[in-house]
PDB file of N, CA and C in Angstrom:
ATOM      1  N   UNK A   1      -6.277   0.292   0.114  1.00  0.00           N
ATOM      2  CA  UNK A   1      -6.270   1.381  -0.836  1.00  0.00           C
ATOM      3  C   UNK A   1      -4.824   1.650  -1.234  1.00  0.00           C
ATOM      4  N   UNK A   2      -4.563   1.633  -2.507  1.00  0.00           N
ATOM      5  CA  UNK A   2      -3.247   1.989  -3.024  1.00  0.00           C
ATOM      6  C   UNK A   2      -3.369   3.374  -3.654  1.00  0.00           C
ATOM      7  N   UNK A   3      -2.623   4.312  -3.111  1.00  0.00           N
ATOM      8  CA  UNK A   3      -2.654   5.682  -3.608  1.00  0.00           C
ATOM      9  C   UNK A   3      -1.517   5.871  -4.607  1.00  0.00           C
ATOM     10  N   UNK A   4      -1.867   6.173  -5.826  1.00  0.00           N
ATOM     11  CA  UNK A   4      -0.867   6.351  -6.872  1.00  0.00           C
ATOM     12  C   UNK A   4      -0.334   7.778  -6.854  1.00  0.00           C
ATOM     13  N   UNK A   5       0.973   7.880  -6.977  1.00  0.00           N
ATOM     14  CA  UNK A   5       1.639   9.172  -6.958  1.00  0.00           C
ATOM     15  C   UNK A   5       2.214   9.433  -8.343  1.00  0.00           C
ATOM     16  N   UNK A   6       1.866  10.580  -8.903  1.00  0.00           N
ATOM     17  CA  UNK A   6       2.404  10.979 -10.201  1.00  0.00           C
ATOM     18  C   UNK A   6       3.367  12.143  -9.998  1.00  0.00           C
ATOM     19  N   UNK A   7       4.394  12.185 -10.828  1.00  0.00           N
ATOM     20  CA  UNK A   7       5.428  13.203 -10.703  1.00  0.00           C
ATOM     21  C   UNK A   7       5.556  14.028 -11.970  1.00  0.00           C
ATOM     22  N   UNK A   8       5.987  15.261 -11.760  1.00  0.00           N
ATOM     23  CA  UNK A   8       6.295  16.158 -12.871  1.00  0.00           C
ATOM     24  C   UNK A   8       7.438  17.057 -12.406  1.00  0.00           C
ATOM     25  N   UNK A   9       8.358  17.334 -13.315  1.00  0.00           N
ATOM     26  CA  UNK A   9       9.445  18.234 -12.955  1.00  0.00           C
ATOM     27  C   UNK A   9       9.250  19.559 -13.678  1.00  0.00           C
ATOM     28  N   UNK A  10       9.298  20.629 -12.914  1.00  0.00           N
ATOM     29  CA  UNK A  10       9.137  21.973 -13.449  1.00  0.00           C
ATOM     30  C   UNK A  10      10.409  22.408 -14.180  1.00  0.00           C
ATOM     31  N   UNK A  11      10.296  23.435 -14.981  1.00  0.00           N
ATOM     32  CA  UNK A  11      11.457  23.961 -15.711  1.00  0.00           C
ATOM     33  C   UNK A  11      12.548  24.466 -14.772  1.00  0.00           C
ATOM     34  N   UNK A  12      12.160  24.919 -13.591  1.00  0.00           N
ATOM     35  CA  UNK A  12      13.150  25.426 -12.636  1.00  0.00           C
ATOM     36  C   UNK A  12      13.801  24.311 -11.807  1.00  0.00           C
ATOM     37  N   UNK A  13      13.453  23.063 -12.092  1.00  0.00           N
ATOM     38  CA  UNK A  13      14.059  21.919 -11.416  1.00  0.00           C
ATOM     39  C   UNK A  13      13.256  21.337 -10.280  1.00  0.00           C
ATOM     40  N   UNK A  14      12.279  22.081  -9.775  1.00  0.00           N
ATOM     41  CA  UNK A  14      11.460  21.566  -8.670  1.00  0.00           C
ATOM     42  C   UNK A  14      10.606  20.392  -9.160  1.00  0.00           C
ATOM     43  N   UNK A  15      10.266  19.526  -8.240  1.00  0.00           N
ATOM     44  CA  UNK A  15       9.412  18.380  -8.530  1.00  0.00           C
ATOM     45  C   UNK A  15       8.029  18.601  -7.926  1.00  0.00           C
ATOM     46  N   UNK A  16       7.023  18.088  -8.588  1.00  0.00           N
ATOM     47  CA  UNK A  16       5.658  18.064  -8.066  1.00  0.00           C
ATOM     48  C   UNK A  16       5.267  16.604  -7.925  1.00  0.00           C
ATOM     49  N   UNK A  17       4.756  16.239  -6.757  1.00  0.00           N
ATOM     50  CA  UNK A  17       4.190  14.914  -6.529  1.00  0.00           C
ATOM     51  C   UNK A  17       2.697  15.111  -6.282  1.00  0.00           C
ATOM     52  N   UNK A  18       1.883  14.369  -7.027  1.00  0.00           N
ATOM     53  CA  UNK A  18       0.431  14.497  -6.895  1.00  0.00           C
ATOM     54  C   UNK A  18      -0.182  13.136  -6.642  1.00  0.00           C
ATOM     55  N   UNK A  19      -1.046  13.078  -5.644  1.00  0.00           N
ATOM     56  CA  UNK A  19      -1.801  11.865  -5.365  1.00  0.00           C
ATOM     57  C   UNK A  19      -3.186  12.083  -5.940  1.00  0.00           C
ATOM     58  N   UNK A  20      -3.397  11.524  -7.108  1.00  0.00           N
ATOM     59  CA  UNK A  20      -4.598  11.818  -7.882  1.00  0.00           C
ATOM     60  C   UNK A  20      -5.879  11.275  -7.262  1.00  0.00           C
ATOM     61  N   UNK A  21      -5.763  10.272  -6.390  1.00  0.00           N
ATOM     62  CA  UNK A  21      -6.961   9.699  -5.756  1.00  0.00           C
ATOM     63  C   UNK A  21      -7.553  10.601  -4.677  1.00  0.00           C
ATOM     64  N   UNK A  22      -6.773  11.585  -4.235  1.00  0.00           N
ATOM     65  CA  UNK A  22      -7.264  12.522  -3.218  1.00  0.00           C
ATOM     66  C   UNK A  22      -7.130  13.930  -3.803  1.00  0.00           C
ATOM     67  N   UNK A  23      -8.228  14.500  -4.252  1.00  0.00           N
ATOM     68  CA  UNK A  23      -8.164  15.826  -4.879  1.00  0.00           C
ATOM     69  C   UNK A  23      -7.476  16.866  -3.990  1.00  0.00           C
ATOM     70  N   UNK A  24      -6.592  17.622  -4.601  1.00  0.00           N
ATOM     71  CA  UNK A  24      -5.910  18.692  -3.891  1.00  0.00           C
ATOM     72  C   UNK A  24      -4.625  18.281  -3.208  1.00  0.00           C
ATOM     73  N   UNK A  25      -4.271  16.993  -3.257  1.00  0.00           N
ATOM     74  CA  UNK A  25      -3.039  16.549  -2.613  1.00  0.00           C
ATOM     75  C   UNK A  25      -1.918  16.539  -3.647  1.00  0.00           C
ATOM     76  N   UNK A  26      -1.150  17.616  -3.622  1.00  0.00           N
ATOM     77  CA  UNK A  26       0.055  17.732  -4.447  1.00  0.00           C
ATOM     78  C   UNK A  26       1.017  18.656  -3.737  1.00  0.00           C
ATOM     79  N   UNK A  27       2.293  18.349  -3.878  1.00  0.00           N
ATOM     80  CA  UNK A  27       3.319  19.102  -3.157  1.00  0.00           C
ATOM     81  C   UNK A  27       4.553  19.294  -4.019  1.00  0.00           C
ATOM     82  N   UNK A  28       5.235  20.404  -3.781  1.00  0.00           N
ATOM     83  CA  UNK A  28       6.518  20.682  -4.415  1.00  0.00           C
ATOM     84  C   UNK A  28       7.645  20.186  -3.527  1.00  0.00           C
ATOM     85  N   UNK A  29       8.765  19.835  -4.162  1.00  0.00           N
ATOM     86  CA  UNK A  29       9.976  19.505  -3.434  1.00  0.00           C
ATOM     87  C   UNK A  29      11.189  19.806  -4.290  1.00  0.00           C
ATOM     88  N   UNK A  30      12.310  20.064  -3.633  1.00  0.00           N
ATOM     89  CA  UNK A  30      13.557  20.312  -4.362  1.00  0.00           C
ATOM     90  C   UNK A  30      14.010  19.071  -5.120  1.00  0.00           C
ATOM     91  N   UNK A  31      13.636  17.893  -4.578  1.00  0.00           N
ATOM     92  CA  UNK A  31      13.951  16.626  -5.221  1.00  0.00           C
ATOM     93  C   UNK A  31      12.671  15.808  -5.336  1.00  0.00           C
ATOM     94  N   UNK A  32      12.744  14.768  -6.154  1.00  0.00           N
ATOM     95  CA  UNK A  32      11.593  13.881  -6.314  1.00  0.00           C
ATOM     96  C   UNK A  32      11.236  13.252  -4.964  1.00  0.00           C
ATOM     97  N   UNK A  33      12.239  12.810  -4.218  1.00  0.00           N
ATOM     98  CA  UNK A  33      11.993  12.172  -2.920  1.00  0.00           C
ATOM     99  C   UNK A  33      11.363  13.120  -1.911  1.00  0.00           C
ATOM    100  N   UNK A  34      11.802  14.377  -1.903  1.00  0.00           N
ATOM    101  CA  UNK A  34      11.209  15.351  -0.976  1.00  0.00           C
ATOM    102  C   UNK A  34       9.756  15.637  -1.344  1.00  0.00           C
ATOM    103  N   UNK A  35       9.472  15.758  -2.624  1.00  0.00           N
ATOM    104  CA  UNK A  35       8.087  15.976  -3.061  1.00  0.00           C
ATOM    105  C   UNK A  35       7.225  14.788  -2.680  1.00  0.00           C
ATOM    106  N   UNK A  36       7.749  13.577  -2.854  1.00  0.00           N
ATOM    107  CA  UNK A  36       7.010  12.365  -2.488  1.00  0.00           C
ATOM    108  C   UNK A  36       6.728  12.336  -0.995  1.00  0.00           C
ATOM    109  N   UNK A  37       7.724  12.627  -0.174  1.00  0.00           N
ATOM    110  CA  UNK A  37       7.535  12.610   1.283  1.00  0.00           C
ATOM    111  C   UNK A  37       6.472  13.612   1.714  1.00  0.00           C
ATOM    112  N   UNK A  38       6.511  14.803   1.134  1.00  0.00           N
ATOM    113  CA  UNK A  38       5.520  15.823   1.492  1.00  0.00           C
ATOM    114  C   UNK A  38       4.116  15.411   1.064  1.00  0.00           C
ATOM    115  N   UNK A  39       4.000  14.818  -0.127  1.00  0.00           N
ATOM    116  CA  UNK A  39       2.685  14.387  -0.617  1.00  0.00           C
ATOM    117  C   UNK A  39       2.123  13.252   0.235  1.00  0.00           C
ATOM    118  N   UNK A  40       2.982  12.304   0.626  1.00  0.00           N
ATOM    119  CA  UNK A  40       2.526  11.216   1.499  1.00  0.00           C
ATOM    120  C   UNK A  40       2.025  11.771   2.829  1.00  0.00           C
ATOM    121  N   UNK A  41       2.784  12.690   3.415  1.00  0.00           N
ATOM    122  CA  UNK A  41       2.393  13.270   4.702  1.00  0.00           C
ATOM    123  C   UNK A  41       1.054  13.993   4.587  1.00  0.00           C
ATOM    124  N   UNK A  42       0.874  14.763   3.517  1.00  0.00           N
ATOM    125  CA  UNK A  42      -0.385  15.475   3.329  1.00  0.00           C
ATOM    126  C   UNK A  42      -1.536  14.506   3.123  1.00  0.00           C
ATOM    127  N   UNK A  43      -1.319  13.462   2.341  1.00  0.00           N
ATOM    128  CA  UNK A  43      -2.370  12.468   2.110  1.00  0.00           C
ATOM    129  C   UNK A  43      -2.786  11.815   3.424  1.00  0.00           C
ATOM    130  N   UNK A  44      -1.820  11.482   4.262  1.00  0.00           N
ATOM    131  CA  UNK A  44      -2.146  10.861   5.547  1.00  0.00           C
ATOM    132  C   UNK A  44      -2.905  11.819   6.455  1.00  0.00           C
ATOM    133  N   UNK A  45      -2.578  13.106   6.391  1.00  0.00           N
ATOM    134  CA  UNK A  45      -3.337  14.099   7.174  1.00  0.00           C
ATOM    135  C   UNK A  45      -4.786  14.170   6.701  1.00  0.00           C
ATOM    136  N   UNK A  46      -4.991  14.150   5.394  1.00  0.00           N
ATOM    137  CA  UNK A  46      -6.346  14.200   4.837  1.00  0.00           C
ATOM    138  C   UNK A  46      -7.123  12.951   5.254  1.00  0.00           C
ATOM    139  N   UNK A  47      -6.494  11.798   5.160  1.00  0.00           N
ATOM    140  CA  UNK A  47      -7.152  10.546   5.549  1.00  0.00           C
ATOM    141  C   UNK A  47      -7.482  10.562   7.042  1.00  0.00           C
ATOM    142  N   UNK A  48      -6.548  11.019   7.875  1.00  0.00           N
ATOM    143  CA  UNK A  48      -6.805  11.098   9.316  1.00  0.00           C
ATOM    144  C   UNK A  48      -7.975  12.019   9.612  1.00  0.00           C
ATOM    145  N   UNK A  49      -8.037  13.139   8.915  1.00  0.00           N
ATOM    146  CA  UNK A  49      -9.148  14.077   9.100  1.00  0.00           C
ATOM    147  C   UNK A  49     -10.470  13.422   8.731  1.00  0.00           C
ATOM    148  N   UNK A  50     -10.486  12.676   7.644  1.00  0.00           N
ATOM    149  CA  UNK A  50     -11.710  11.977   7.238  1.00  0.00           C
ATOM    150  C   UNK A  50     -12.125  10.957   8.286  1.00  0.00           C
ATOM    151  N   UNK A  51     -11.154  10.223   8.823  1.00  0.00           N
ATOM    152  CA  UNK A  51     -11.456   9.236   9.853  1.00  0.00           C
ATOM    153  C   UNK A  51     -12.017   9.907  11.102  1.00  0.00           C
ATOM    154  N   UNK A  52     -11.406  11.018  11.517  1.00  0.00           N
ATOM    155  CA  UNK A  52     -11.866  11.731  12.708  1.00  0.00           C
ATOM    156  C   UNK A  52     -13.287  12.254  12.556  1.00  0.00           C
ATOM    157  N   UNK A  53     -13.687  12.552  11.336  1.00  0.00           N
ATOM    158  CA  UNK A  53     -15.018  13.100  11.097  1.00  0.00           C
ATOM    159  C   UNK A  53     -16.012  12.059  10.598  1.00  0.00           C
ATOM    160  N   UNK A  54     -15.657  10.786  10.747  1.00  0.00           N
ATOM    161  CA  UNK A  54     -16.583   9.709  10.396  1.00  0.00           C
ATOM    162  C   UNK A  54     -16.795   9.527   8.910  1.00  0.00           C
ATOM    163  N   UNK A  55     -15.903  10.037   8.104  1.00  0.00           N
ATOM    164  CA  UNK A  55     -16.029   9.908   6.649  1.00  0.00           C
ATOM    165  C   UNK A  55     -15.254   8.692   6.162  1.00  0.00           C
ATOM    166  N   UNK A  56     -15.463   7.564   6.817  1.00  0.00           N
ATOM    167  CA  UNK A  56     -14.693   6.373   6.490  1.00  0.00           C
ATOM    168  C   UNK A  56     -15.339   5.586   5.361  1.00  0.00           C
ATOM    169  N   UNK A  57     -14.494   4.873   4.663  1.00  0.00           N
ATOM    170  CA  UNK A  57     -14.931   3.932   3.642  1.00  0.00           C
ATOM    171  C   UNK A  57     -14.101   2.661   3.830  1.00  0.00           C
ATOM    172  N   UNK A  58     -14.589   1.523   3.364  1.00  0.00           N
ATOM    173  CA  UNK A  58     -13.844   0.272   3.574  1.00  0.00           C
ATOM    174  C   UNK A  58     -12.417   0.302   3.019  1.00  0.00           C
ATOM    175  N   UNK A  59     -12.174   1.075   1.985  1.00  0.00           N
ATOM    176  CA  UNK A  59     -10.837   1.097   1.388  1.00  0.00           C
ATOM    177  C   UNK A  59      -9.809   1.812   2.270  1.00  0.00           C
ATOM    178  N   UNK A  60     -10.227   2.459   3.345  1.00  0.00           N
ATOM    179  CA  UNK A  60      -9.285   3.129   4.245  1.00  0.00           C
ATOM    180  C   UNK A  60      -8.746   2.202   5.333  1.00  0.00           C
ATOM    181  N   UNK A  61      -9.144   0.927   5.315  1.00  0.00           N
ATOM    182  CA  UNK A  61      -8.631  -0.015   6.317  1.00  0.00           C
ATOM    183  C   UNK A  61      -7.131  -0.236   6.171  1.00  0.00           C
ATOM    184  N   UNK A  62      -6.627  -0.146   4.949  1.00  0.00           N
ATOM    185  CA  UNK A  62      -5.194  -0.298   4.700  1.00  0.00           C
ATOM    186  C   UNK A  62      -4.817   0.668   3.585  1.00  0.00           C
ATOM    187  N   UNK A  63      -3.753   1.409   3.797  1.00  0.00           N
ATOM    188  CA  UNK A  63      -3.317   2.412   2.812  1.00  0.00           C
ATOM    189  C   UNK A  63      -1.861   2.156   2.464  1.00  0.00           C
ATOM    190  N   UNK A  64      -1.557   2.188   1.171  1.00  0.00           N
ATOM    191  CA  UNK A  64      -0.166   2.108   0.727  1.00  0.00           C
ATOM    192  C   UNK A  64       0.003   3.047  -0.459  1.00  0.00           C
ATOM    193  N   UNK A  65       1.255   3.338  -0.779  1.00  0.00           N
ATOM    194  CA  UNK A  65       1.558   4.281  -1.850  1.00  0.00           C
ATOM    195  C   UNK A  65       2.293   3.573  -2.978  1.00  0.00           C
ATOM    196  N   UNK A  66       1.989   3.978  -4.206  1.00  0.00           N
ATOM    197  CA  UNK A  66       2.677   3.456  -5.388  1.00  0.00           C
ATOM    198  C   UNK A  66       3.163   4.640  -6.202  1.00  0.00           C
ATOM    199  N   UNK A  67       4.465   4.817  -6.250  1.00  0.00           N
ATOM    200  CA  UNK A  67       5.050   5.932  -6.975  1.00  0.00           C
ATOM    201  C   UNK A  67       5.305   5.537  -8.418  1.00  0.00           C
ATOM    202  N   UNK A  68       4.821   6.363  -9.334  1.00  0.00           N
ATOM    203  CA  UNK A  68       5.059   6.113 -10.756  1.00  0.00           C
ATOM    204  C   UNK A  68       6.533   6.311 -11.067  1.00  0.00           C
ATOM    205  N   UNK A  69       7.001   5.577 -12.039  1.00  0.00           N
ATOM    206  CA  UNK A  69       8.419   5.668 -12.424  1.00  0.00           C
ATOM    207  C   UNK A  69       8.742   6.991 -13.043  1.00  0.00           C
TER     208      UNK A  69
END
């Protein structure tokens, strides 16, 4: 599973990183890299929770991230 990360910069300079494949996974950061790190961590927590509760799918065997330019 490749999780695509989309970015947006707010008028106040903060960055938002959103992983669109997992609803609700988006995070703010002072920099693009900080927003990306927070979003990756949250996505992995959501995936771990799904695994712990037996909500597995074959695409969760391997996970990687692709950050949009």
